[in-house]
Amino acid sequence: MLIEDAAATVEAVLDVVSLIPPGRVATYGDIAELVGTGPRRVGTIMAQVGDQVTWWRVTNARGALPPHLVDEAARRWAAEGTPMAHDRSRCLLRECRADLEALAEAVESA
């Protein structure tokens, strides 16, 4: 997916996030790869407008989110059956990472 301007990048990131299935997560880097931008840009977009989508389904490479979001994310992960660390501080990325090929196909179909 080729992104030509900032507004299109924001829209593309939000579109990808909205396609992540319940109980699954993708990393900032996963989404960046799908939309053709950098992980930090994805993080910035999520910080600025991520509340418009299922933000708890986007984590860093460890399956974690910023500390101020962890409690709410853990509640949402529990509701969706997303595997979490024992202390509920992060999701278990190895067990719940979205199928990136399927996500890429969903992006292309949307």
C-alpha atoms as a PDB file:
ATOM      1  CA  MET A   1       0.000   0.000   0.000  1.00  0.00           C
ATOM      2  CA  LEU A   2       1.550   3.319  -1.067  1.00  0.00           C
ATOM      3  CA  ILE A   3       0.700   6.322   1.073  1.00  0.00           C
ATOM      4  CA  GLU A   4       1.062   9.712  -0.590  1.00  0.00           C
ATOM      5  CA  ASP A   5       0.286  12.228   2.174  1.00  0.00           C
ATOM      6  CA  ALA A   6      -0.078  12.586   5.942  1.00  0.00           C
ATOM      7  CA  ALA A   7      -3.886  12.454   5.977  1.00  0.00           C
ATOM      8  CA  ALA A   8      -3.838   9.305   3.867  1.00  0.00           C
ATOM      9  CA  THR A   9      -1.323   7.745   6.274  1.00  0.00           C
ATOM     10  CA  VAL A  10      -3.579   8.457   9.238  1.00  0.00           C
ATOM     11  CA  GLU A  11      -6.573   7.013   7.410  1.00  0.00           C
ATOM     12  CA  ALA A  12      -4.613   3.917   6.358  1.00  0.00           C
ATOM     13  CA  VAL A  13      -3.388   3.262   9.905  1.00  0.00           C
ATOM     14  CA  LEU A  14      -6.883   3.611  11.351  1.00  0.00           C
ATOM     15  CA  ASP A  15      -8.291   1.360   8.625  1.00  0.00           C
ATOM     16  CA  VAL A  16      -5.750  -1.383   9.398  1.00  0.00           C
ATOM     17  CA  VAL A  17      -6.360  -1.149  13.142  1.00  0.00           C
ATOM     18  CA  SER A  18     -10.110  -1.474  12.590  1.00  0.00           C
ATOM     19  CA  LEU A  19      -9.491  -4.775  10.760  1.00  0.00           C
ATOM     20  CA  ILE A  20      -7.573  -6.465  13.591  1.00  0.00           C
ATOM     21  CA  PRO A  21      -9.885  -9.200  14.898  1.00  0.00           C
ATOM     22  CA  PRO A  22     -11.023  -9.332  18.543  1.00  0.00           C
ATOM     23  CA  GLY A  23      -8.577 -11.232  20.730  1.00  0.00           C
ATOM     24  CA  ARG A  24      -5.670 -10.430  18.412  1.00  0.00           C
ATOM     25  CA  VAL A  25      -3.088  -7.668  18.353  1.00  0.00           C
ATOM     26  CA  ALA A  26      -0.604  -6.180  15.921  1.00  0.00           C
ATOM     27  CA  THR A  27       2.488  -4.172  16.712  1.00  0.00           C
ATOM     28  CA  TYR A  28       3.238  -0.647  15.636  1.00  0.00           C
ATOM     29  CA  GLY A  29       5.839  -2.175  13.323  1.00  0.00           C
ATOM     30  CA  ASP A  30       3.347  -4.633  11.816  1.00  0.00           C
ATOM     31  CA  ILE A  31       0.985  -1.824  10.930  1.00  0.00           C
ATOM     32  CA  ALA A  32       3.821   0.366   9.679  1.00  0.00           C
ATOM     33  CA  GLU A  33       4.898  -2.382   7.298  1.00  0.00           C
ATOM     34  CA  LEU A  34       1.367  -2.782   5.970  1.00  0.00           C
ATOM     35  CA  VAL A  35       0.839   0.918   5.280  1.00  0.00           C
ATOM     36  CA  GLY A  36       4.349   1.893   4.235  1.00  0.00           C
ATOM     37  CA  THR A  37       5.385   4.160   7.095  1.00  0.00           C
ATOM     38  CA  GLY A  38       7.495   3.879  10.240  1.00  0.00           C
ATOM     39  CA  PRO A  39       6.508   2.381  13.605  1.00  0.00           C
ATOM     40  CA  ARG A  40       7.034   5.705  15.384  1.00  0.00           C
ATOM     41  CA  ARG A  41       4.616   7.362  12.978  1.00  0.00           C
ATOM     42  CA  VAL A  42       2.049   4.662  13.769  1.00  0.00           C
ATOM     43  CA  GLY A  43       2.615   5.278  17.474  1.00  0.00           C
ATOM     44  CA  THR A  44       2.124   9.007  17.008  1.00  0.00           C
ATOM     45  CA  ILE A  45      -1.074   8.461  15.055  1.00  0.00           C
ATOM     46  CA  MET A  46      -2.381   6.086  17.715  1.00  0.00           C
ATOM     47  CA  ALA A  47      -1.529   8.589  20.463  1.00  0.00           C
ATOM     48  CA  GLN A  48      -3.314  11.403  18.634  1.00  0.00           C
ATOM     49  CA  VAL A  49      -6.412   9.711  17.170  1.00  0.00           C
ATOM     50  CA  GLY A  50      -6.255   6.056  18.196  1.00  0.00           C
ATOM     51  CA  ASP A  51      -9.286   6.464  20.425  1.00  0.00           C
ATOM     52  CA  GLN A  52     -11.350   6.357  17.212  1.00  0.00           C
ATOM     53  CA  VAL A  53     -10.511   2.666  16.748  1.00  0.00           C
ATOM     54  CA  THR A  54      -9.700  -0.470  18.743  1.00  0.00           C
ATOM     55  CA  TRP A  55      -6.448   1.001  20.122  1.00  0.00           C
ATOM     56  CA  TRP A  56      -5.893  -1.831  22.633  1.00  0.00           C
ATOM     57  CA  ARG A  57      -5.195  -4.143  19.693  1.00  0.00           C
ATOM     58  CA  VAL A  58      -2.005  -2.224  18.822  1.00  0.00           C
ATOM     59  CA  THR A  59       1.045  -2.712  21.037  1.00  0.00           C
ATOM     60  CA  ASN A  60       4.790  -2.362  21.026  1.00  0.00           C
ATOM     61  CA  ALA A  61       7.006  -5.337  20.150  1.00  0.00           C
ATOM     62  CA  ARG A  62       6.704  -6.667  23.727  1.00  0.00           C
ATOM     63  CA  GLY A  63       2.900  -6.664  23.674  1.00  0.00           C
ATOM     64  CA  ALA A  64       2.765  -3.626  25.954  1.00  0.00           C
ATOM     65  CA  LEU A  65       1.140  -0.216  25.878  1.00  0.00           C
ATOM     66  CA  PRO A  66       1.983   3.058  27.615  1.00  0.00           C
ATOM     67  CA  PRO A  67       1.451   2.732  31.394  1.00  0.00           C
ATOM     68  CA  HIS A  68      -1.568   5.053  31.477  1.00  0.00           C
ATOM     69  CA  LEU A  69      -3.438   2.730  29.081  1.00  0.00           C
ATOM     70  CA  VAL A  70      -2.617  -0.651  30.623  1.00  0.00           C
ATOM     71  CA  ASP A  71      -5.557  -0.976  33.040  1.00  0.00           C
ATOM     72  CA  GLU A  72      -8.171  -0.170  30.399  1.00  0.00           C
ATOM     73  CA  ALA A  73      -6.393  -2.332  27.812  1.00  0.00           C
ATOM     74  CA  ALA A  74      -6.274  -5.266  30.249  1.00  0.00           C
ATOM     75  CA  ARG A  75     -10.045  -4.989  30.785  1.00  0.00           C
ATOM     76  CA  ARG A  76     -10.619  -4.995  27.040  1.00  0.00           C
ATOM     77  CA  TRP A  77      -8.133  -7.843  26.459  1.00  0.00           C
ATOM     78  CA  ALA A  78      -9.911  -9.902  29.130  1.00  0.00           C
ATOM     79  CA  ALA A  79     -13.296  -9.224  27.523  1.00  0.00           C
ATOM     80  CA  GLU A  80     -11.952 -10.370  24.136  1.00  0.00           C
ATOM     81  CA  GLY A  81     -10.055 -13.381  25.484  1.00  0.00           C
ATOM     82  CA  THR A  82      -6.662 -11.953  24.555  1.00  0.00           C
ATOM     83  CA  PRO A  83      -3.900 -13.885  26.374  1.00  0.00           C
ATOM     84  CA  MET A  84      -2.097 -11.688  28.905  1.00  0.00           C
ATOM     85  CA  ALA A  85       0.921 -11.887  31.172  1.00  0.00           C
ATOM     86  CA  HIS A  86       0.122 -13.046  34.697  1.00  0.00           C
ATOM     87  CA  ASP A  87       0.349  -9.469  36.028  1.00  0.00           C
ATOM     88  CA  ARG A  88      -1.905  -8.194  33.193  1.00  0.00           C
ATOM     89  CA  SER A  89       0.745  -5.639  32.216  1.00  0.00           C
ATOM     90  CA  ARG A  90       0.934  -6.758  28.601  1.00  0.00           C
ATOM     91  CA  CYS A  91      -0.599  -9.226  26.166  1.00  0.00           C
ATOM     92  CA  LEU A  92       1.241 -12.387  25.182  1.00  0.00           C
ATOM     93  CA  LEU A  93       2.150 -11.421  21.660  1.00  0.00           C
ATOM     94  CA  ARG A  94       3.348 -14.901  20.670  1.00  0.00           C
ATOM     95  CA  GLU A  95      -0.126 -16.234  21.394  1.00  0.00           C
ATOM     96  CA  CYS A  96      -2.304 -13.428  20.109  1.00  0.00           C
ATOM     97  CA  ARG A  97      -0.496 -11.713  17.250  1.00  0.00           C
ATOM     98  CA  ALA A  98      -2.817 -11.156  14.313  1.00  0.00           C
ATOM     99  CA  ASP A  99      -2.240 -13.213  11.181  1.00  0.00           C
ATOM    100  CA  LEU A 100      -0.408 -10.563   9.205  1.00  0.00           C
ATOM    101  CA  GLU A 101      -1.016 -12.203   5.832  1.00  0.00           C
ATOM    102  CA  ALA A 102      -4.756 -12.305   6.509  1.00  0.00           C
ATOM    103  CA  LEU A 103      -4.637  -8.731   7.744  1.00  0.00           C
ATOM    104  CA  ALA A 104      -2.811  -7.632   4.574  1.00  0.00           C
ATOM    105  CA  GLU A 105      -5.457  -9.400   2.473  1.00  0.00           C
ATOM    106  CA  ALA A 106      -8.241  -7.717   4.468  1.00  0.00           C
ATOM    107  CA  VAL A 107      -6.580  -4.342   3.871  1.00  0.00           C
ATOM    108  CA  GLU A 108      -6.401  -4.984   0.134  1.00  0.00           C
ATOM    109  CA  SER A 109     -10.060  -6.107   0.048  1.00  0.00           C
ATOM    110  CA  ALA A 110     -11.344  -3.133   2.028  1.00  0.00           C
END
